[in-house]
PDB file of N, CA and C in Angstrom:
ATOM      1  N   MET A   1      76.897 -20.330  19.559  1.00  0.00           N
ATOM      2  CA  MET A   1      76.825 -21.152  20.754  1.00  0.00           C
ATOM      3  C   MET A   1      78.243 -21.355  21.285  1.00  0.00           C
ATOM      4  N   PRO A   2      78.433 -21.244  22.615  1.00  0.00           N
ATOM      5  CA  PRO A   2      79.761 -21.448  23.178  1.00  0.00           C
ATOM      6  C   PRO A   2      80.239 -22.876  22.954  1.00  0.00           C
ATOM      7  N   LEU A   3      81.538 -23.058  23.096  1.00  0.00           N
ATOM      8  CA  LEU A   3      82.094 -24.399  22.995  1.00  0.00           C
ATOM      9  C   LEU A   3      81.522 -25.273  24.099  1.00  0.00           C
ATOM     10  N   PRO A   4      81.289 -26.570  23.817  1.00  0.00           N
ATOM     11  CA  PRO A   4      80.669 -27.445  24.809  1.00  0.00           C
ATOM     12  C   PRO A   4      81.420 -27.525  26.132  1.00  0.00           C
ATOM     13  N   ASP A   5      82.753 -27.341  26.124  1.00  0.00           N
ATOM     14  CA  ASP A   5      83.471 -27.489  27.389  1.00  0.00           C
ATOM     15  C   ASP A   5      83.344 -26.258  28.287  1.00  0.00           C
ATOM     16  N   VAL A   6      82.858 -25.131  27.771  1.00  0.00           N
ATOM     17  CA  VAL A   6      82.680 -23.940  28.596  1.00  0.00           C
ATOM     18  C   VAL A   6      81.204 -23.568  28.755  1.00  0.00           C
ATOM     19  N   MET A   7      80.345 -24.164  27.977  1.00  0.00           N
ATOM     20  CA  MET A   7      78.910 -23.910  28.070  1.00  0.00           C
ATOM     21  C   MET A   7      78.397 -24.506  29.383  1.00  0.00           C
ATOM     22  N   LYS A   8      77.711 -23.703  30.174  1.00  0.00           N
ATOM     23  CA  LYS A   8      77.137 -24.182  31.431  1.00  0.00           C
ATOM     24  C   LYS A   8      75.730 -24.708  31.176  1.00  0.00           C
ATOM     25  N   LEU A   9      75.461 -25.878  31.717  1.00  0.00           N
ATOM     26  CA  LEU A   9      74.153 -26.516  31.605  1.00  0.00           C
ATOM     27  C   LEU A   9      73.572 -26.710  32.992  1.00  0.00           C
ATOM     28  N   ARG A  10      72.255 -26.760  33.055  1.00  0.00           N
ATOM     29  CA  ARG A  10      71.570 -27.102  34.301  1.00  0.00           C
ATOM     30  C   ARG A  10      70.363 -27.970  33.966  1.00  0.00           C
ATOM     31  N   SER A  11      69.910 -28.702  34.957  1.00  0.00           N
ATOM     32  CA  SER A  11      68.728 -29.545  34.776  1.00  0.00           C
ATOM     33  C   SER A  11      67.475 -28.693  34.680  1.00  0.00           C
ATOM     34  N   ALA A  12      66.593 -29.093  33.792  1.00  0.00           N
ATOM     35  CA  ALA A  12      65.290 -28.430  33.708  1.00  0.00           C
ATOM     36  C   ALA A  12      64.548 -28.681  35.008  1.00  0.00           C
ATOM     37  N   ARG A  13      63.860 -27.678  35.471  1.00  0.00           N
ATOM     38  CA  ARG A  13      63.089 -27.815  36.701  1.00  0.00           C
ATOM     39  C   ARG A  13      61.719 -28.439  36.427  1.00  0.00           C
ATOM     40  N   CYS A  14      61.273 -28.359  35.207  1.00  0.00           N
ATOM     41  CA  CYS A  14      59.930 -28.826  34.826  1.00  0.00           C
ATOM     42  C   CYS A  14      59.975 -30.258  34.326  1.00  0.00           C
ATOM     43  N   GLN A  15      60.454 -31.153  35.183  1.00  0.00           N
ATOM     44  CA  GLN A  15      60.483 -32.557  34.795  1.00  0.00           C
ATOM     45  C   GLN A  15      60.116 -33.423  35.983  1.00  0.00           C
ATOM     46  N   SER A  16      59.648 -34.585  35.641  1.00  0.00           N
ATOM     47  CA  SER A  16      59.253 -35.555  36.644  1.00  0.00           C
ATOM     48  C   SER A  16      59.558 -36.944  36.089  1.00  0.00           C
ATOM     49  N   THR A  17      59.642 -37.913  36.972  1.00  0.00           N
ATOM     50  CA  THR A  17      59.916 -39.286  36.541  1.00  0.00           C
ATOM     51  C   THR A  17      58.869 -40.227  37.116  1.00  0.00           C
ATOM     52  N   TYR A  18      58.713 -41.342  36.438  1.00  0.00           N
ATOM     53  CA  TYR A  18      57.804 -42.375  36.929  1.00  0.00           C
ATOM     54  C   TYR A  18      58.185 -43.692  36.270  1.00  0.00           C
ATOM     55  N   TRP A  19      57.703 -44.766  36.854  1.00  0.00           N
ATOM     56  CA  TRP A  19      57.913 -46.103  36.300  1.00  0.00           C
ATOM     57  C   TRP A  19      56.661 -46.528  35.544  1.00  0.00           C
ATOM     58  N   ASP A  20      56.878 -47.138  34.390  1.00  0.00           N
ATOM     59  CA  ASP A  20      55.790 -47.636  33.562  1.00  0.00           C
ATOM     60  C   ASP A  20      56.110 -49.079  33.195  1.00  0.00           C
ATOM     61  N   ASN A  21      55.469 -50.016  33.889  1.00  0.00           N
ATOM     62  CA  ASN A  21      55.723 -51.450  33.651  1.00  0.00           C
ATOM     63  C   ASN A  21      57.210 -51.776  33.719  1.00  0.00           C
ATOM     64  N   GLY A  22      57.900 -51.224  34.711  1.00  0.00           N
ATOM     65  CA  GLY A  22      59.312 -51.509  34.908  1.00  0.00           C
ATOM     66  C   GLY A  22      60.252 -50.638  34.097  1.00  0.00           C
ATOM     67  N   ASP A  23      59.739 -49.760  33.257  1.00  0.00           N
ATOM     68  CA  ASP A  23      60.575 -48.859  32.461  1.00  0.00           C
ATOM     69  C   ASP A  23      60.526 -47.462  33.056  1.00  0.00           C
ATOM     70  N   LEU A  24      61.688 -46.845  33.194  1.00  0.00           N
ATOM     71  CA  LEU A  24      61.767 -45.491  33.714  1.00  0.00           C
ATOM     72  C   LEU A  24      61.363 -44.506  32.627  1.00  0.00           C
ATOM     73  N   ARG A  25      60.497 -43.580  32.971  1.00  0.00           N
ATOM     74  CA  ARG A  25      60.060 -42.525  32.056  1.00  0.00           C
ATOM     75  C   ARG A  25      60.368 -41.177  32.696  1.00  0.00           C
ATOM     76  N   ILE A  26      60.818 -40.247  31.881  1.00  0.00           N
ATOM     77  CA  ILE A  26      61.034 -38.873  32.306  1.00  0.00           C
ATOM     78  C   ILE A  26      60.134 -38.009  31.447  1.00  0.00           C
ATOM     79  N   VAL A  27      59.361 -37.163  32.106  1.00  0.00           N
ATOM     80  CA  VAL A  27      58.475 -36.264  31.373  1.00  0.00           C
ATOM     81  C   VAL A  27      58.902 -34.829  31.647  1.00  0.00           C
ATOM     82  N   ASN A  28      59.008 -34.069  30.575  1.00  0.00           N
ATOM     83  CA  ASN A  28      59.195 -32.626  30.684  1.00  0.00           C
ATOM     84  C   ASN A  28      57.797 -32.059  30.526  1.00  0.00           C
ATOM     85  N   TYR A  29      57.182 -31.651  31.632  1.00  0.00           N
ATOM     86  CA  TYR A  29      55.790 -31.234  31.558  1.00  0.00           C
ATOM     87  C   TYR A  29      55.628 -29.844  30.987  1.00  0.00           C
ATOM     88  N   LEU A  30      56.697 -29.128  30.744  1.00  0.00           N
ATOM     89  CA  LEU A  30      56.607 -27.856  30.031  1.00  0.00           C
ATOM     90  C   LEU A  30      56.499 -28.100  28.529  1.00  0.00           C
ATOM     91  N   THR A  31      57.335 -29.008  28.012  1.00  0.00           N
ATOM     92  CA  THR A  31      57.317 -29.299  26.576  1.00  0.00           C
ATOM     93  C   THR A  31      56.337 -30.416  26.234  1.00  0.00           C
ATOM     94  N   ARG A  32      55.826 -31.106  27.268  1.00  0.00           N
ATOM     95  CA  ARG A  32      54.888 -32.221  27.108  1.00  0.00           C
ATOM     96  C   ARG A  32      55.495 -33.393  26.337  1.00  0.00           C
ATOM     97  N   ARG A  33      56.786 -33.596  26.564  1.00  0.00           N
ATOM     98  CA  ARG A  33      57.475 -34.730  25.936  1.00  0.00           C
ATOM     99  C   ARG A  33      57.882 -35.728  27.010  1.00  0.00           C
ATOM    100  N   THR A  34      57.777 -37.009  26.672  1.00  0.00           N
ATOM    101  CA  THR A  34      58.136 -38.088  27.584  1.00  0.00           C
ATOM    102  C   THR A  34      59.230 -38.929  26.936  1.00  0.00           C
ATOM    103  N   PHE A  35      60.181 -39.373  27.770  1.00  0.00           N
ATOM    104  CA  PHE A  35      61.337 -40.115  27.288  1.00  0.00           C
ATOM    105  C   PHE A  35      61.538 -41.369  28.126  1.00  0.00           C
ATOM    106  N   SER A  36      62.028 -42.415  27.490  1.00  0.00           N
ATOM    107  CA  SER A  36      62.482 -43.603  28.202  1.00  0.00           C
ATOM    108  C   SER A  36      63.916 -43.351  28.629  1.00  0.00           C
ATOM    109  N   ALA A  37      64.291 -43.890  29.771  1.00  0.00           N
ATOM    110  CA  ALA A  37      65.649 -43.646  30.253  1.00  0.00           C
ATOM    111  C   ALA A  37      66.141 -44.814  31.082  1.00  0.00           C
ATOM    112  N   ASN A  38      67.436 -44.922  31.159  1.00  0.00           N
ATOM    113  CA  ASN A  38      68.119 -45.834  32.052  1.00  0.00           C
ATOM    114  C   ASN A  38      68.259 -45.112  33.387  1.00  0.00           C
ATOM    115  N   PRO A  39      68.125 -45.802  34.514  1.00  0.00           N
ATOM    116  CA  PRO A  39      68.223 -45.113  35.808  1.00  0.00           C
ATOM    117  C   PRO A  39      69.510 -44.293  36.007  1.00  0.00           C
ATOM    118  N   ILE A  40      70.613 -44.652  35.375  1.00  0.00           N
ATOM    119  CA  ILE A  40      71.843 -43.868  35.531  1.00  0.00           C
ATOM    120  C   ILE A  40      71.662 -42.448  34.986  1.00  0.00           C
ATOM    121  N   VAL A  41      70.744 -42.276  34.048  1.00  0.00           N
ATOM    122  CA  VAL A  41      70.467 -40.941  33.506  1.00  0.00           C
ATOM    123  C   VAL A  41      70.018 -40.001  34.617  1.00  0.00           C
ATOM    124  N   MET A  42      69.329 -40.538  35.618  1.00  0.00           N
ATOM    125  CA  MET A  42      68.900 -39.704  36.742  1.00  0.00           C
ATOM    126  C   MET A  42      70.098 -39.135  37.495  1.00  0.00           C
ATOM    127  N   GLU A  43      71.187 -39.878  37.538  1.00  0.00           N
ATOM    128  CA  GLU A  43      72.406 -39.370  38.178  1.00  0.00           C
ATOM    129  C   GLU A  43      72.981 -38.201  37.384  1.00  0.00           C
ATOM    130  N   VAL A  44      72.920 -38.290  36.070  1.00  0.00           N
ATOM    131  CA  VAL A  44      73.396 -37.191  35.228  1.00  0.00           C
ATOM    132  C   VAL A  44      72.517 -35.962  35.448  1.00  0.00           C
ATOM    133  N   ILE A  45      71.210 -36.149  35.455  1.00  0.00           N
ATOM    134  CA  ILE A  45      70.293 -35.040  35.693  1.00  0.00           C
ATOM    135  C   ILE A  45      70.544 -34.431  37.072  1.00  0.00           C
ATOM    136  N   ARG A  46      70.719 -35.265  38.073  1.00  0.00           N
ATOM    137  CA  ARG A  46      70.996 -34.782  39.427  1.00  0.00           C
ATOM    138  C   ARG A  46      72.292 -33.988  39.463  1.00  0.00           C
ATOM    139  N   TYR A  47      73.305 -34.467  38.759  1.00  0.00           N
ATOM    140  CA  TYR A  47      74.597 -33.785  38.733  1.00  0.00           C
ATOM    141  C   TYR A  47      74.457 -32.352  38.226  1.00  0.00           C
ATOM    142  N   PHE A  48      73.573 -32.147  37.291  1.00  0.00           N
ATOM    143  CA  PHE A  48      73.389 -30.821  36.700  1.00  0.00           C
ATOM    144  C   PHE A  48      72.373 -29.962  37.463  1.00  0.00           C
ATOM    145  N   PHE A  49      71.978 -30.366  38.680  1.00  0.00           N
ATOM    146  CA  PHE A  49      71.143 -29.481  39.502  1.00  0.00           C
ATOM    147  C   PHE A  49      71.873 -28.155  39.725  1.00  0.00           C
ATOM    148  N   SER A  50      73.192 -28.218  39.836  1.00  0.00           N
ATOM    149  CA  SER A  50      74.027 -27.013  39.863  1.00  0.00           C
ATOM    150  C   SER A  50      74.595 -26.837  38.463  1.00  0.00           C
ATOM    151  N   PRO A  51      74.692 -25.616  37.976  1.00  0.00           N
ATOM    152  CA  PRO A  51      75.239 -25.409  36.629  1.00  0.00           C
ATOM    153  C   PRO A  51      76.662 -25.973  36.502  1.00  0.00           C
ATOM    154  N   ARG A  52      76.871 -26.733  35.442  1.00  0.00           N
ATOM    155  CA  ARG A  52      78.164 -27.381  35.199  1.00  0.00           C
ATOM    156  C   ARG A  52      78.420 -27.452  33.702  1.00  0.00           C
ATOM    157  N   THR A  53      79.659 -27.732  33.362  1.00  0.00           N
ATOM    158  CA  THR A  53      80.023 -27.892  31.957  1.00  0.00           C
ATOM    159  C   THR A  53      80.019 -29.377  31.600  1.00  0.00           C
ATOM    160  N   ILE A  54      80.034 -29.629  30.312  1.00  0.00           N
ATOM    161  CA  ILE A  54      80.146 -31.015  29.845  1.00  0.00           C
ATOM    162  C   ILE A  54      81.479 -31.598  30.289  1.00  0.00           C
ATOM    163  N   ARG A  55      82.518 -30.793  30.258  1.00  0.00           N
ATOM    164  CA  ARG A  55      83.840 -31.264  30.718  1.00  0.00           C
ATOM    165  C   ARG A  55      83.768 -31.697  32.183  1.00  0.00           C
ATOM    166  N   ASP A  56      83.072 -30.919  33.026  1.00  0.00           N
ATOM    167  CA  ASP A  56      82.892 -31.301  34.433  1.00  0.00           C
ATOM    168  C   ASP A  56      82.237 -32.678  34.531  1.00  0.00           C
ATOM    169  N   ALA A  57      81.211 -32.901  33.724  1.00  0.00           N
ATOM    170  CA  ALA A  57      80.492 -34.175  33.753  1.00  0.00           C
ATOM    171  C   ALA A  57      81.378 -35.324  33.297  1.00  0.00           C
ATOM    172  N   MET A  58      82.213 -35.078  32.311  1.00  0.00           N
ATOM    173  CA  MET A  58      83.131 -36.125  31.838  1.00  0.00           C
ATOM    174  C   MET A  58      84.055 -36.568  32.976  1.00  0.00           C
ATOM    175  N   LEU A  59      84.504 -35.627  33.767  1.00  0.00           N
ATOM    176  CA  LEU A  59      85.366 -35.955  34.911  1.00  0.00           C
ATOM    177  C   LEU A  59      84.585 -36.682  36.004  1.00  0.00           C
ATOM    178  N   GLU A  60      83.372 -36.223  36.266  1.00  0.00           N
ATOM    179  CA  GLU A  60      82.545 -36.835  37.307  1.00  0.00           C
ATOM    180  C   GLU A  60      82.164 -38.281  36.971  1.00  0.00           C
ATOM    181  N   PHE A  61      81.839 -38.535  35.719  1.00  0.00           N
ATOM    182  CA  PHE A  61      81.372 -39.857  35.287  1.00  0.00           C
ATOM    183  C   PHE A  61      82.469 -40.605  34.530  1.00  0.00           C
ATOM    184  N   ASN A  62      83.698 -40.523  35.042  1.00  0.00           N
ATOM    185  CA  ASN A  62      84.846 -41.116  34.347  1.00  0.00           C
ATOM    186  C   ASN A  62      84.845 -42.647  34.357  1.00  0.00           C
ATOM    187  N   ALA A  63      83.926 -43.264  35.097  1.00  0.00           N
ATOM    188  CA  ALA A  63      83.805 -44.724  35.054  1.00  0.00           C
ATOM    189  C   ALA A  63      83.146 -45.179  33.757  1.00  0.00           C
ATOM    190  N   TYR A  64      82.544 -44.244  33.049  1.00  0.00           N
ATOM    191  CA  TYR A  64      81.885 -44.531  31.773  1.00  0.00           C
ATOM    192  C   TYR A  64      82.725 -43.939  30.649  1.00  0.00           C
ATOM    193  N   THR A  65      82.518 -44.400  29.437  1.00  0.00           N
ATOM    194  CA  THR A  65      83.279 -43.851  28.317  1.00  0.00           C
ATOM    195  C   THR A  65      82.816 -42.422  28.026  1.00  0.00           C
ATOM    196  N   GLU A  66      83.727 -41.616  27.520  1.00  0.00           N
ATOM    197  CA  GLU A  66      83.373 -40.247  27.155  1.00  0.00           C
ATOM    198  C   GLU A  66      82.263 -40.226  26.117  1.00  0.00           C
ATOM    199  N   ASP A  67      82.313 -41.184  25.183  1.00  0.00           N
ATOM    200  CA  ASP A  67      81.261 -41.246  24.160  1.00  0.00           C
ATOM    201  C   ASP A  67      79.885 -41.471  24.777  1.00  0.00           C
ATOM    202  N   SER A  68      79.788 -42.391  25.739  1.00  0.00           N
ATOM    203  CA  SER A  68      78.485 -42.684  26.331  1.00  0.00           C
ATOM    204  C   SER A  68      77.983 -41.514  27.179  1.00  0.00           C
ATOM    205  N   VAL A  69      78.872 -40.870  27.923  1.00  0.00           N
ATOM    206  CA  VAL A  69      78.476 -39.713  28.727  1.00  0.00           C
ATOM    207  C   VAL A  69      78.061 -38.564  27.803  1.00  0.00           C
ATOM    208  N   GLY A  70      78.864 -38.316  26.783  1.00  0.00           N
ATOM    209  CA  GLY A  70      78.545 -37.247  25.833  1.00  0.00           C
ATOM    210  C   GLY A  70      77.232 -37.495  25.124  1.00  0.00           C
ATOM    211  N   GLU A  71      77.003 -38.726  24.710  1.00  0.00           N
ATOM    212  CA  GLU A  71      75.743 -39.055  24.025  1.00  0.00           C
ATOM    213  C   GLU A  71      74.552 -38.835  24.946  1.00  0.00           C
ATOM    214  N   ALA A  72      74.670 -39.266  26.205  1.00  0.00           N
ATOM    215  CA  ALA A  72      73.580 -39.067  27.164  1.00  0.00           C
ATOM    216  C   ALA A  72      73.308 -37.584  27.371  1.00  0.00           C
ATOM    217  N   ILE A  73      74.357 -36.800  27.523  1.00  0.00           N
ATOM    218  CA  ILE A  73      74.191 -35.357  27.741  1.00  0.00           C
ATOM    219  C   ILE A  73      73.534 -34.707  26.531  1.00  0.00           C
ATOM    220  N   PHE A  74      73.990 -35.031  25.347  1.00  0.00           N
ATOM    221  CA  PHE A  74      73.396 -34.421  24.161  1.00  0.00           C
ATOM    222  C   PHE A  74      71.942 -34.834  23.960  1.00  0.00           C
ATOM    223  N   LYS A  75      71.589 -36.061  24.318  1.00  0.00           N
ATOM    224  CA  LYS A  75      70.176 -36.476  24.248  1.00  0.00           C
ATOM    225  C   LYS A  75      69.341 -35.709  25.265  1.00  0.00           C
ATOM    226  N   LEU A  76      69.908 -35.469  26.450  1.00  0.00           N
ATOM    227  CA  LEU A  76      69.192 -34.695  27.466  1.00  0.00           C
ATOM    228  C   LEU A  76      69.029 -33.239  27.039  1.00  0.00           C
ATOM    229  N   ILE A  77      70.018 -32.697  26.366  1.00  0.00           N
ATOM    230  CA  ILE A  77      69.905 -31.335  25.827  1.00  0.00           C
ATOM    231  C   ILE A  77      68.813 -31.302  24.754  1.00  0.00           C
ATOM    232  N   GLU A  78      68.866 -32.268  23.860  1.00  0.00           N
ATOM    233  CA  GLU A  78      67.888 -32.348  22.777  1.00  0.00           C
ATOM    234  C   GLU A  78      66.458 -32.447  23.315  1.00  0.00           C
ATOM    235  N   GLY A  79      66.285 -33.170  24.418  1.00  0.00           N
ATOM    236  CA  GLY A  79      64.962 -33.328  25.021  1.00  0.00           C
ATOM    237  C   GLY A  79      64.594 -32.202  25.976  1.00  0.00           C
ATOM    238  N   GLN A  80      65.449 -31.201  26.067  1.00  0.00           N
ATOM    239  CA  GLN A  80      65.266 -30.055  26.963  1.00  0.00           C
ATOM    240  C   GLN A  80      65.126 -30.483  28.422  1.00  0.00           C
ATOM    241  N   LEU A  81      65.825 -31.560  28.779  1.00  0.00           N
ATOM    242  CA  LEU A  81      65.931 -31.968  30.172  1.00  0.00           C
ATOM    243  C   LEU A  81      67.179 -31.369  30.802  1.00  0.00           C
ATOM    244  N   LEU A  82      68.165 -31.027  29.977  1.00  0.00           N
ATOM    245  CA  LEU A  82      69.297 -30.186  30.360  1.00  0.00           C
ATOM    246  C   LEU A  82      69.202 -28.929  29.511  1.00  0.00           C
ATOM    247  N   LEU A  83      69.393 -27.778  30.160  1.00  0.00           N
ATOM    248  CA  LEU A  83      69.238 -26.498  29.478  1.00  0.00           C
ATOM    249  C   LEU A  83      70.511 -25.673  29.605  1.00  0.00           C
ATOM    250  N   GLU A  84      70.831 -24.950  28.551  1.00  0.00           N
ATOM    251  CA  GLU A  84      71.956 -24.033  28.617  1.00  0.00           C
ATOM    252  C   GLU A  84      71.566 -22.874  29.526  1.00  0.00           C
ATOM    253  N   CYS A  85      72.390 -22.590  30.512  1.00  0.00           N
ATOM    254  CA  CYS A  85      72.123 -21.476  31.427  1.00  0.00           C
ATOM    255  C   CYS A  85      72.020 -20.184  30.623  1.00  0.00           C
ATOM    256  N   GLU A  86      71.125 -19.323  31.033  1.00  0.00           N
ATOM    257  CA  GLU A  86      70.920 -18.008  30.404  1.00  0.00           C
ATOM    258  C   GLU A  86      70.284 -18.080  29.015  1.00  0.00           C
ATOM    259  N   SER A  87      69.812 -19.249  28.604  1.00  0.00           N
ATOM    260  CA  SER A  87      69.161 -19.383  27.299  1.00  0.00           C
ATOM    261  C   SER A  87      67.679 -19.029  27.432  1.00  0.00           C
ATOM    262  N   PRO A  88      67.005 -18.767  26.307  1.00  0.00           N
ATOM    263  CA  PRO A  88      65.555 -18.531  26.360  1.00  0.00           C
ATOM    264  C   PRO A  88      64.797 -19.727  26.948  1.00  0.00           C
ATOM    265  N   GLU A  89      65.249 -20.943  26.655  1.00  0.00           N
ATOM    266  CA  GLU A  89      64.596 -22.143  27.193  1.00  0.00           C
ATOM    267  C   GLU A  89      64.734 -22.199  28.720  1.00  0.00           C
ATOM    268  N   SER A  90      65.903 -21.813  29.199  1.00  0.00           N
ATOM    269  CA  SER A  90      66.137 -21.791  30.643  1.00  0.00           C
ATOM    270  C   SER A  90      65.255 -20.745  31.322  1.00  0.00           C
ATOM    271  N   ALA A  91      65.139 -19.577  30.718  1.00  0.00           N
ATOM    272  CA  ALA A  91      64.279 -18.519  31.271  1.00  0.00           C
ATOM    273  C   ALA A  91      62.819 -18.970  31.284  1.00  0.00           C
ATOM    274  N   ARG A  92      62.382 -19.634  30.216  1.00  0.00           N
ATOM    275  CA  ARG A  92      61.001 -20.140  30.131  1.00  0.00           C
ATOM    276  C   ARG A  92      60.752 -21.192  31.214  1.00  0.00           C
ATOM    277  N   ASP A  93      61.720 -22.075  31.412  1.00  0.00           N
ATOM    278  CA  ASP A  93      61.640 -23.108  32.440  1.00  0.00           C
ATOM    279  C   ASP A  93      61.549 -22.471  33.829  1.00  0.00           C
ATOM    280  N   ASP A  94      62.364 -21.453  34.081  1.00  0.00           N
ATOM    281  CA  ASP A  94      62.333 -20.751  35.367  1.00  0.00           C
ATOM    282  C   ASP A  94      60.972 -20.103  35.617  1.00  0.00           C
ATOM    283  N   LEU A  95      60.450 -19.444  34.601  1.00  0.00           N
ATOM    284  CA  LEU A  95      59.166 -18.762  34.735  1.00  0.00           C
ATOM    285  C   LEU A  95      58.045 -19.758  35.015  1.00  0.00           C
ATOM    286  N   PHE A  96      58.011 -20.829  34.260  1.00  0.00           N
ATOM    287  CA  PHE A  96      56.987 -21.853  34.460  1.00  0.00           C
ATOM    288  C   PHE A  96      57.103 -22.457  35.855  1.00  0.00           C
ATOM    289  N   ASP A  97      58.331 -22.771  36.256  1.00  0.00           N
ATOM    290  CA  ASP A  97      58.569 -23.366  37.568  1.00  0.00           C
ATOM    291  C   ASP A  97      58.109 -22.432  38.683  1.00  0.00           C
ATOM    292  N   SER A  98      58.463 -21.160  38.596  1.00  0.00           N
ATOM    293  CA  SER A  98      58.086 -20.230  39.664  1.00  0.00           C
ATOM    294  C   SER A  98      56.572 -20.008  39.704  1.00  0.00           C
ATOM    295  N   SER A  99      55.924 -20.050  38.553  1.00  0.00           N
ATOM    296  CA  SER A  99      54.472 -19.857  38.503  1.00  0.00           C
ATOM    297  C   SER A  99      53.707 -21.051  39.060  1.00  0.00           C
ATOM    298  N   TRP A 100      54.196 -22.257  38.804  1.00  0.00           N
ATOM    299  CA  TRP A 100      53.457 -23.470  39.158  1.00  0.00           C
ATOM    300  C   TRP A 100      54.006 -24.204  40.377  1.00  0.00           C
ATOM    301  N   LYS A 101      55.140 -23.764  40.909  1.00  0.00           N
ATOM    302  CA  LYS A 101      55.796 -24.484  42.003  1.00  0.00           C
ATOM    303  C   LYS A 101      54.856 -24.864  43.159  1.00  0.00           C
ATOM    304  N   PRO A 102      53.952 -23.967  43.613  1.00  0.00           N
ATOM    305  CA  PRO A 102      53.087 -24.347  44.736  1.00  0.00           C
ATOM    306  C   PRO A 102      52.175 -25.543  44.450  1.00  0.00           C
ATOM    307  N   TRP A 103      51.918 -25.830  43.191  1.00  0.00           N
ATOM    308  CA  TRP A 103      50.965 -26.885  42.838  1.00  0.00           C
ATOM    309  C   TRP A 103      51.631 -28.143  42.278  1.00  0.00           C
ATOM    310  N   LEU A 104      52.947 -28.154  42.169  1.00  0.00           N
ATOM    311  CA  LEU A 104      53.619 -29.306  41.567  1.00  0.00           C
ATOM    312  C   LEU A 104      54.391 -30.073  42.618  1.00  0.00           C
ATOM    313  N   PRO A 105      54.517 -31.386  42.472  1.00  0.00           N
ATOM    314  CA  PRO A 105      54.066 -32.185  41.336  1.00  0.00           C
ATOM    315  C   PRO A 105      52.605 -32.611  41.432  1.00  0.00           C
ATOM    316  N   GLU A 106      51.960 -32.373  42.569  1.00  0.00           N
ATOM    317  CA  GLU A 106      50.600 -32.857  42.759  1.00  0.00           C
ATOM    318  C   GLU A 106      49.646 -32.350  41.680  1.00  0.00           C
ATOM    319  N   GLY A 107      49.838 -31.108  41.222  1.00  0.00           N
ATOM    320  CA  GLY A 107      48.952 -30.536  40.207  1.00  0.00           C
ATOM    321  C   GLY A 107      48.983 -31.282  38.892  1.00  0.00           C
ATOM    322  N   GLY A 108      50.045 -32.014  38.649  1.00  0.00           N
ATOM    323  CA  GLY A 108      50.151 -32.798  37.427  1.00  0.00           C
ATOM    324  C   GLY A 108      49.163 -33.950  37.347  1.00  0.00           C
ATOM    325  N   PHE A 109      48.557 -34.287  38.459  1.00  0.00           N
ATOM    326  CA  PHE A 109      47.600 -35.394  38.481  1.00  0.00           C
ATOM    327  C   PHE A 109      46.194 -34.958  38.076  1.00  0.00           C
ATOM    328  N   HIS A 110      45.973 -33.678  37.874  1.00  0.00           N
ATOM    329  CA  HIS A 110      44.646 -33.178  37.520  1.00  0.00           C
ATOM    330  C   HIS A 110      44.498 -32.978  36.037  1.00  0.00           C
TER     331      HIS A 110
END
C-alpha cells in the first residue's frame, strides 16, 4: 500500500445520509453498512469528491487537530466511505454506481 501522504482517496459513490431521531446516519448501500456520524464528517466526504491525499485533507481542515482529521479519515476508509483510487473496492463502487445510477437514490426506498 502506498504511503498515506501520496495515496489518493475518493468518496464512495454508493452512500447516502439521513437523520434518525436527530442523529446523522451514513449508509453505504453497496456494503449494507450504516454508521453514525457528526455533520462535519460530511464536509470531509465532500472534500474527497475529487481524488485527494490525506496530506491535502490535513491542510484543508487545519482548524482541527491532525489527530482528529486523521482518525476521521481512517474511520471513513475502514467503513469504505472513502476508497483508495484504482483499488478493487473503487472499481466495484464505480460498477455498482454506473449500473444503478438511473434508479438511485429513489430505488433505495423499495
